[in-house]
Protein backbone atom coordinates (compact mmCIF):
# COMPACT_ATOMS: atom_id res chain seq x y z
CA MET A 1 -11.77 23.12 24.60
CA THR A 2 -14.48 25.12 22.83
CA GLU A 3 -16.13 24.34 19.53
CA LYS A 4 -14.20 27.55 18.03
CA ASP A 5 -11.34 26.40 19.70
CA ILE A 6 -11.63 22.67 17.59
CA ASP A 7 -13.62 24.50 14.51
CA ARG A 8 -9.99 26.86 14.06
CA LEU A 9 -7.74 24.12 14.75
CA MET A 10 -9.51 21.88 11.96
CA SER A 11 -9.07 24.77 9.87
CA LYS A 12 -5.82 24.64 10.25
CA TYR A 13 -5.20 21.00 9.71
CA TYR A 14 -7.19 20.61 6.41
CA GLU A 15 -4.63 23.78 5.12
CA GLY A 16 -1.97 21.24 6.83
CA LEU A 17 -0.25 24.38 9.77
CA THR A 18 -0.97 21.83 12.23
CA ASP A 19 1.96 20.64 14.69
CA GLU A 20 2.20 17.33 16.16
CA ARG A 21 1.28 19.25 20.07
CA GLU A 22 -2.18 20.50 18.25
CA GLU A 23 -2.57 17.25 16.26
CA ASP A 24 -2.88 15.07 20.00
CA MET A 25 -4.97 18.01 21.25
CA LEU A 26 -8.11 17.01 18.47
CA LEU A 27 -7.30 13.71 18.73
CA ARG A 28 -7.77 13.91 22.29
CA TYR A 29 -11.45 15.45 21.54
CA PHE A 30 -12.27 13.56 18.53
CA SER A 31 -11.90 10.61 20.84
CA SER A 32 -12.90 11.29 24.18
CA GLY A 33 -17.22 10.65 22.66
CA ASP A 34 -18.07 13.87 23.87
CA VAL A 35 -18.32 15.64 20.38
CA PRO A 36 -21.86 17.89 18.60
CA GLU A 37 -22.82 16.10 15.86
CA ASN A 38 -22.34 18.81 13.91
CA MET A 39 -18.21 17.60 13.74
CA ALA A 40 -19.23 13.93 13.74
CA ALA A 41 -17.86 14.61 9.66
CA ASP A 42 -14.50 16.04 10.96
CA ARG A 43 -14.37 13.18 13.71
CA ASP A 44 -14.59 10.62 11.26
CA PHE A 45 -12.28 11.45 9.06
CA PHE A 46 -9.58 12.68 11.27
CA ILE A 47 -10.18 9.38 12.90
CA ALA A 48 -9.69 7.15 9.99
CA LEU A 49 -7.05 9.28 8.80
CA HIS A 50 -5.42 9.50 12.41
CA GLY A 51 -5.90 4.90 12.53
CA CYS A 52 -7.89 5.43 16.04
CA GLY A 53 -10.81 3.45 13.83
CA LYS A 54 -11.65 -0.20 13.09
CA ALA A 55 -9.28 -1.56 11.67
CA ALA A 56 -5.94 0.99 11.12
CA GLY A 57 -2.22 -0.21 11.25
CA VAL A 58 0.20 -1.60 9.18
CA PRO A 59 -0.35 -5.43 8.23
CA GLU A 60 1.91 -8.41 9.61
CA GLY A 61 4.49 -9.13 7.12
CA LEU A 62 4.04 -5.81 5.21
CA GLU A 63 7.25 -4.45 5.51
CA ARG A 64 9.07 -7.76 4.75
CA ARG A 65 7.45 -8.21 1.33
CA MET A 66 8.22 -5.14 0.85
CA GLU A 67 11.75 -4.78 0.76
CA GLU A 68 11.29 -8.75 -0.58
CA ARG A 69 9.18 -7.08 -3.13
CA ILE A 70 12.05 -3.98 -3.78
CA ASP A 71 14.74 -6.51 -3.74
CA SER A 72 12.83 -8.52 -6.62
CA TRP A 73 12.59 -5.48 -8.73
CA SER A 74 16.18 -4.81 -8.26
CA GLN A 75 17.45 -7.69 -9.23
CA ALA A 76 14.91 -7.71 -12.25
CA THR A 77 16.19 -4.25 -13.75
CA THR A 78 19.83 -4.84 -13.18
CA GLU A 79 22.13 -6.25 -16.20
CA PRO A 80 21.82 -10.38 -16.46
CA GLU A 81 24.21 -11.34 -14.88
CA MET A 82 26.39 -14.75 -16.13
CA ARG A 83 25.54 -18.15 -14.00
CA PRO A 84 28.64 -20.62 -14.49
CA GLU A 85 25.98 -22.77 -14.73
CA ARG A 86 23.47 -22.28 -16.74
CA GLY A 87 23.91 -19.20 -18.66
CA PRO A 88 22.88 -15.67 -18.51
CA ALA A 89 19.87 -15.19 -16.05
CA PRO A 90 16.71 -15.84 -18.01
CA LYS A 91 14.53 -12.31 -18.06
CA PRO A 92 12.26 -11.37 -16.19
CA THR A 93 8.60 -13.35 -15.00
CA LEU A 94 4.93 -11.76 -16.33
CA THR A 95 4.75 -11.48 -12.59
CA ALA A 96 7.75 -9.33 -12.51
CA ARG A 97 6.30 -7.58 -15.03
CA LEU A 98 2.89 -7.08 -13.91
CA CYS A 99 4.42 -5.89 -10.58
CA ARG A 100 6.27 -3.17 -11.76
CA SER A 101 3.87 -2.31 -14.77
CA CYS A 102 1.35 -1.65 -11.78
CA GLY A 103 3.53 0.01 -10.01
CA MET A 104 4.00 2.94 -12.22
CA ALA A 105 0.18 2.30 -12.84
CA ALA A 106 -0.14 3.40 -9.17
CA SER A 107 2.65 6.56 -9.61
CA VAL A 108 0.62 7.23 -12.63
CA ALA A 109 -1.88 7.90 -10.23
CA ALA A 110 -0.96 9.31 -7.36
CA VAL A 111 0.75 12.32 -9.34
CA ALA A 112 -2.31 13.07 -11.47
CA LEU A 113 -4.52 13.00 -7.79
CA LEU A 114 -2.00 15.71 -6.57
CA GLY A 115 -2.27 18.01 -9.35
CA ALA A 116 -5.98 17.40 -9.15
CA TYR A 117 -5.60 18.11 -6.19
CA LEU A 118 -3.47 21.10 -5.18
CA HIS A 119 -5.11 22.28 -8.72
CA SER A 120 -8.41 23.16 -7.42
CA ARG A 121 -7.64 23.35 -3.40
CA ASN A 122 -11.35 24.15 -2.79
CA PRO A 123 -11.94 23.55 1.39
CA VAL A 124 -13.63 20.51 1.60
CA ASN A 125 -16.57 20.54 3.55
CA ALA A 126 -17.76 17.52 5.86
CA ALA A 127 -19.96 15.55 3.48
CA ASP A 128 -16.55 15.34 1.20
CA ARG A 129 -14.70 14.12 3.94
CA ALA A 130 -16.58 11.24 4.60
CA LYS A 131 -16.33 10.45 2.17
CA LEU A 132 -12.45 10.83 1.16
CA ALA A 133 -12.79 8.62 4.84
CA GLN A 134 -14.66 5.80 3.18
CA ALA A 135 -11.85 6.16 -0.62
CA ARG A 136 -10.28 6.09 2.30
CA THR A 137 -10.95 2.65 3.37
CA ALA A 138 -12.27 1.45 0.86
CA LEU A 139 -8.04 1.81 -1.36
CA THR A 140 -7.33 -0.45 1.89
CA GLU A 141 -9.94 -2.98 1.18
CA PHE A 142 -8.35 -3.15 -1.43
CA SER A 143 -4.19 -2.94 -1.34
CA ASN A 144 -5.27 -5.93 1.12
CA THR A 145 -6.68 -7.91 -1.47
CA LEU A 146 -4.42 -6.48 -4.21
CA ASN A 147 -1.03 -8.04 -1.55
CA LYS A 148 -3.34 -11.47 -1.23
CA GLY A 149 -3.26 -11.66 -4.41
CA PHE A 150 0.67 -11.23 -4.60
CA ASP A 151 1.41 -13.72 -1.67
CA LYS A 152 -0.59 -16.00 -4.30
CA MET A 153 0.97 -15.59 -7.15
CA GLU A 154 4.38 -16.04 -5.20
CA GLU A 155 3.47 -18.90 -3.15
CA ALA A 156 2.22 -20.57 -7.05
CA ARG A 157 5.94 -19.51 -7.98
CA LYS A 158 7.41 -21.64 -5.69
CA LYS A 159 5.74 -24.50 -6.13
CA THR A 160 6.68 -24.84 -9.69
CA LYS A 161 10.05 -24.08 -9.07
CA GLU A 162 9.53 -26.61 -6.87
CA ILE A 163 7.78 -28.88 -9.36
CA ASN A 164 10.84 -28.04 -12.26
CA LYS A 165 13.10 -28.99 -10.06
CA SER A 166 11.41 -32.55 -9.23
CA ILE A 167 11.59 -32.95 -12.83
CA ASP A 168 15.02 -32.02 -13.52
CA LYS A 169 15.80 -34.79 -11.49
CA CYS A 170 14.01 -37.20 -12.74
CA LEU A 171 14.91 -36.29 -16.59
CA ARG A 172 19.05 -36.43 -15.39
CA LEU A 173 18.13 -39.52 -13.44
CA ILE A 174 16.69 -40.91 -17.07
CA ASN A 175 19.01 -39.70 -18.52
CA THR A 176 21.74 -41.05 -16.44
CA ASP A 177 20.29 -44.47 -16.66
CA LYS A 178 20.68 -44.83 -20.84
CA GLN A 179 24.01 -44.25 -20.85
């Protein structure tokens, strides 16, 4: 493949007009290591987007955690169901409201970014592509850190629930001993 062919394919790629076969050709070319210095930024950008770099991929257990979060959000947004032993279900917790707020803020940010991108539609130069690849890496690290924080909050919630059950049990024992 000549450098002109790669330039043509990259232009087509940036406009979203490549098919899988052409993207595979670009992936093979950039993965080969035999890339001219003037295309290094294109290579870094392409490899970063296609997950061929250092630490790309979906974190282990992410799908399960996302399903659990979505299920808990959907339960929190439905009308309170009656629980025979305790009455109506409690209001959503601070964590659930925080997750919902973060989700809404992320959605608004994503729509705003998409609108800004579609509005500008200027060709992206090599320096900007490298910056975009760095931004993607930073966002991935931020997402992983945020997930760790949510996991810690979930652990704390579970421990608090266990402690509350123990306290309730002790109080019930004390009340039965007094009678």
